[in-house]
Amino acid sequence: MKRIILSILLITGAINSFAQEAKLNIKSLNAKNNTVIIQTPVDDTWFYPAKKEVKFGDDSAVNYSLKINKLAWLRINNNTVLIEPGTTHLVFDKGILVQSDKNKEGMLLFSKRNAEFYQYRARDYYKKDSTTAGLYQLLENDKNETLKPYAELFSKQKISVNFYNEIKRYFFNRTDNFASRYPNDSFKYKAKNK
């Protein structure tokens, strides 16, 4: 019985040691109202229904804490931010992220990424090359071009290793998502244009 209790305590302690605290200091300038909407992470990625509305006072600042592992995707006032453990200071002006003390350049670059819907982007790929191999190559070239500015920021140590790896994971997953559709889509495109 003592062994069982001891093993339960050890497992519980090990699980809790992985979770770390992230503290956010959010300042909202020129806001339409006095509310900050934070979509909190579920399994370290933002999840729309899991949102918190936090009111701020006269100083336009909100302090918010949450448990995360290495990184967590959050949406704050519809801005996607990547949070690491520790304290992060964020400043929003008219609801748009303008300042961060961690990974600022990377977050600002990510907020300006091409988030165009797959079918619209794919249309341009199909105009250039409708073969599956050609589509894969165009997608790979696009991914490499997209990651270049992040690699440059990482080499200048303006973004952390964790941030860079998570951004790479994001774009690799996006590329895989596009690529999984290519064989079927290229067949449809060829059949349609005969």
Protein backbone atom coordinates (compact mmCIF):
# COMPACT_ATOMS: atom_id res chain seq x y z
CA MET A 1 0.00 0.00 0.00
CA LYS A 2 2.87 2.36 0.84
CA ARG A 3 4.43 1.68 -2.57
CA ILE A 4 1.20 2.54 -4.35
CA ILE A 5 0.81 5.80 -2.46
CA LEU A 6 4.48 6.65 -3.04
CA SER A 7 4.20 5.97 -6.78
CA ILE A 8 1.02 8.08 -7.02
CA LEU A 9 2.78 10.96 -5.27
CA LEU A 10 5.83 10.67 -7.53
CA ILE A 11 3.70 10.62 -10.69
CA THR A 12 1.65 13.59 -9.52
CA GLY A 13 4.81 15.53 -8.69
CA ALA A 14 6.33 14.71 -12.08
CA ILE A 15 3.23 15.86 -13.95
CA ASN A 16 3.05 19.13 -12.00
CA SER A 17 6.74 19.86 -12.56
CA PHE A 18 6.21 20.08 -16.34
CA ALA A 19 3.62 22.84 -16.07
CA GLN A 20 5.14 26.28 -15.62
CA GLU A 21 3.55 29.62 -15.01
CA ALA A 22 3.30 32.34 -17.62
CA LYS A 23 2.45 35.80 -16.35
CA LEU A 24 1.08 38.32 -18.79
CA ASN A 25 1.09 42.04 -18.26
CA ILE A 26 -1.24 43.40 -20.92
CA LYS A 27 -1.59 47.12 -21.56
CA SER A 28 -4.34 48.26 -23.89
CA LEU A 29 -4.04 51.76 -25.38
CA ASN A 30 -6.89 53.55 -27.17
CA ALA A 31 -9.23 50.62 -26.57
CA LYS A 32 -12.90 50.77 -27.60
CA ASN A 33 -13.95 49.34 -24.23
CA ASN A 34 -12.27 48.33 -20.99
CA THR A 35 -12.18 44.59 -21.73
CA VAL A 36 -9.37 42.32 -22.86
CA ILE A 37 -10.51 39.02 -24.39
CA ILE A 38 -8.03 36.19 -23.87
CA GLN A 39 -8.60 32.86 -25.56
CA THR A 40 -6.72 30.50 -23.29
CA PRO A 41 -4.85 27.44 -24.51
CA VAL A 42 -6.09 23.89 -24.40
CA ASP A 43 -3.13 21.51 -24.83
CA ASP A 44 -0.92 24.55 -25.52
CA THR A 45 -2.89 25.85 -28.50
CA TRP A 46 -5.63 28.48 -28.48
CA PHE A 47 -9.19 27.24 -28.40
CA TYR A 48 -12.06 29.58 -29.27
CA PRO A 49 -14.63 28.55 -26.61
CA ALA A 50 -12.03 28.77 -23.83
CA LYS A 51 -12.03 32.54 -23.53
CA LYS A 52 -11.78 34.90 -20.61
CA GLU A 53 -12.92 38.50 -20.56
CA VAL A 54 -10.82 40.56 -18.19
CA LYS A 55 -11.69 44.16 -17.33
CA PHE A 56 -8.95 46.72 -16.88
CA GLY A 57 -9.01 49.87 -14.81
CA ASP A 58 -7.82 53.41 -15.30
CA ASP A 59 -4.24 52.32 -15.97
CA SER A 60 -5.40 50.22 -18.99
CA ALA A 61 -3.40 47.25 -17.69
CA VAL A 62 -4.36 43.65 -16.98
CA ASN A 63 -2.29 41.02 -15.21
CA TYR A 64 -3.12 37.44 -16.12
CA SER A 65 -1.45 34.13 -15.20
CA LEU A 66 -1.78 30.67 -16.69
CA LYS A 67 -0.03 27.30 -16.57
CA ILE A 68 1.73 26.21 -19.76
CA ASN A 69 4.41 23.74 -20.79
CA LYS A 70 7.14 25.16 -23.06
CA LEU A 71 4.95 27.42 -25.18
CA ALA A 72 1.30 28.29 -25.62
CA TRP A 73 -0.63 29.86 -28.46
CA LEU A 74 -3.02 32.52 -27.22
CA ARG A 75 -5.41 34.88 -28.92
CA ILE A 76 -5.60 38.25 -27.19
CA ASN A 77 -8.10 40.65 -28.73
CA ASN A 78 -7.90 38.57 -31.94
CA ASN A 79 -4.10 38.78 -32.08
CA THR A 80 -2.25 35.46 -32.14
CA VAL A 81 0.65 35.48 -29.69
CA LEU A 82 3.05 32.78 -28.62
CA ILE A 83 3.72 32.84 -24.88
CA GLU A 84 6.64 31.28 -23.03
CA PRO A 85 6.94 30.66 -19.28
CA GLY A 86 7.89 33.70 -17.24
CA THR A 87 6.62 37.26 -17.40
CA THR A 88 5.68 38.76 -20.76
CA HIS A 89 4.71 42.41 -21.25
CA LEU A 90 2.39 43.07 -24.18
CA VAL A 91 1.09 46.42 -25.43
CA PHE A 92 -1.91 46.73 -27.74
CA ASP A 93 -2.91 49.95 -29.49
CA LYS A 94 -6.48 50.01 -30.84
CA GLY A 95 -6.57 46.24 -30.34
CA ILE A 96 -3.42 45.53 -32.40
CA LEU A 97 -0.20 44.15 -30.89
CA VAL A 98 2.51 46.83 -31.06
CA GLN A 99 5.01 45.84 -28.36
CA SER A 100 6.28 42.71 -26.63
CA ASP A 101 9.35 42.21 -24.50
CA LYS A 102 9.80 38.60 -25.73
CA ASN A 103 10.00 37.53 -29.38
CA LYS A 104 8.57 40.88 -30.49
CA GLU A 105 9.84 40.78 -34.07
CA GLY A 106 8.71 37.19 -34.51
CA MET A 107 5.20 37.88 -33.20
CA LEU A 108 4.83 40.99 -35.36
CA LEU A 109 6.05 39.07 -38.41
CA PHE A 110 3.66 36.20 -37.64
CA SER A 111 0.75 38.62 -37.35
CA LYS A 112 1.49 39.83 -40.90
CA ARG A 113 1.77 36.32 -42.42
CA ASN A 114 -0.22 35.29 -45.46
CA ALA A 115 -3.23 33.59 -43.90
CA GLU A 116 -5.04 33.24 -47.19
CA PHE A 117 -7.45 30.32 -47.44
CA TYR A 118 -5.97 27.16 -49.01
CA GLN A 119 -8.13 27.11 -52.12
CA TYR A 120 -7.22 30.69 -53.04
CA ARG A 121 -3.50 30.04 -52.67
CA ALA A 122 -3.77 26.69 -54.43
CA ARG A 123 -5.34 28.39 -57.45
CA ASP A 124 -2.07 30.27 -58.03
CA TYR A 125 -0.05 27.06 -57.67
CA TYR A 126 -2.25 25.27 -60.24
CA LYS A 127 -1.76 28.12 -62.73
CA LYS A 128 2.02 27.63 -62.52
CA ASP A 129 2.10 23.81 -62.57
CA SER A 130 -0.73 21.29 -62.37
CA THR A 131 1.40 18.17 -61.85
CA THR A 132 1.53 16.73 -58.36
CA ALA A 133 5.34 16.85 -58.27
CA GLY A 134 5.30 20.46 -59.46
CA LEU A 135 2.73 21.41 -56.86
CA TYR A 136 4.79 19.82 -54.10
CA GLN A 137 7.86 21.75 -55.26
CA LEU A 138 5.97 25.06 -55.37
CA LEU A 139 4.66 24.41 -51.88
CA GLU A 140 8.13 23.53 -50.58
CA ASN A 141 9.56 26.72 -52.14
CA ASP A 142 6.76 28.77 -50.56
CA LYS A 143 7.41 27.22 -47.14
CA ASN A 144 11.14 27.93 -47.38
CA GLU A 145 10.48 31.53 -48.39
CA THR A 146 8.05 31.92 -45.49
CA LEU A 147 10.57 30.56 -42.96
CA LYS A 148 13.50 32.67 -44.21
CA PRO A 149 12.66 35.81 -42.19
CA TYR A 150 12.19 33.71 -39.03
CA ALA A 151 15.54 32.00 -39.58
CA GLU A 152 17.13 35.42 -39.95
CA LEU A 153 15.55 36.63 -36.70
CA PHE A 154 16.70 33.45 -34.97
CA SER A 155 20.28 33.86 -36.22
CA LYS A 156 20.26 37.42 -34.82
CA GLN A 157 18.87 36.03 -31.53
CA LYS A 158 15.75 38.20 -31.73
CA ILE A 159 13.50 35.16 -31.18
CA SER A 160 14.01 32.23 -28.84
CA VAL A 161 14.75 28.64 -29.83
CA ASN A 162 11.32 27.53 -28.60
CA PHE A 163 9.58 30.26 -30.60
CA TYR A 164 11.51 29.41 -33.77
CA ASN A 165 10.83 25.68 -33.42
CA GLU A 166 7.12 26.29 -32.84
CA ILE A 167 6.88 28.57 -35.88
CA LYS A 168 8.63 25.91 -37.99
CA ARG A 169 6.20 23.30 -36.66
CA TYR A 170 3.27 25.58 -37.52
CA PHE A 171 4.40 26.09 -41.12
CA PHE A 172 5.39 22.41 -41.60
CA ASN A 173 1.92 21.35 -40.42
CA ARG A 174 0.33 23.90 -42.74
CA THR A 175 2.44 22.61 -45.63
CA ASP A 176 1.50 19.00 -44.85
CA ASN A 177 -2.15 20.02 -44.74
CA PHE A 178 -1.89 21.59 -48.20
CA ALA A 179 0.18 18.71 -49.58
CA SER A 180 -2.32 16.09 -48.47
CA ARG A 181 -4.86 17.67 -50.81
CA TYR A 182 -2.65 17.92 -53.90
CA PRO A 183 -2.97 14.49 -55.52
CA ASN A 184 -6.77 14.62 -55.43
CA ASP A 185 -6.96 18.31 -56.35
CA SER A 186 -4.53 18.01 -59.26
CA PHE A 187 -6.59 15.11 -60.64
CA LYS A 188 -9.75 17.24 -60.40
CA TYR A 189 -7.96 20.22 -61.99
CA LYS A 190 -6.76 18.14 -64.95
CA ALA A 191 -10.18 16.56 -65.45
CA LYS A 192 -11.88 19.97 -65.32
CA ASN A 193 -9.49 21.57 -67.86
CA LYS A 194 -9.57 18.83 -70.54
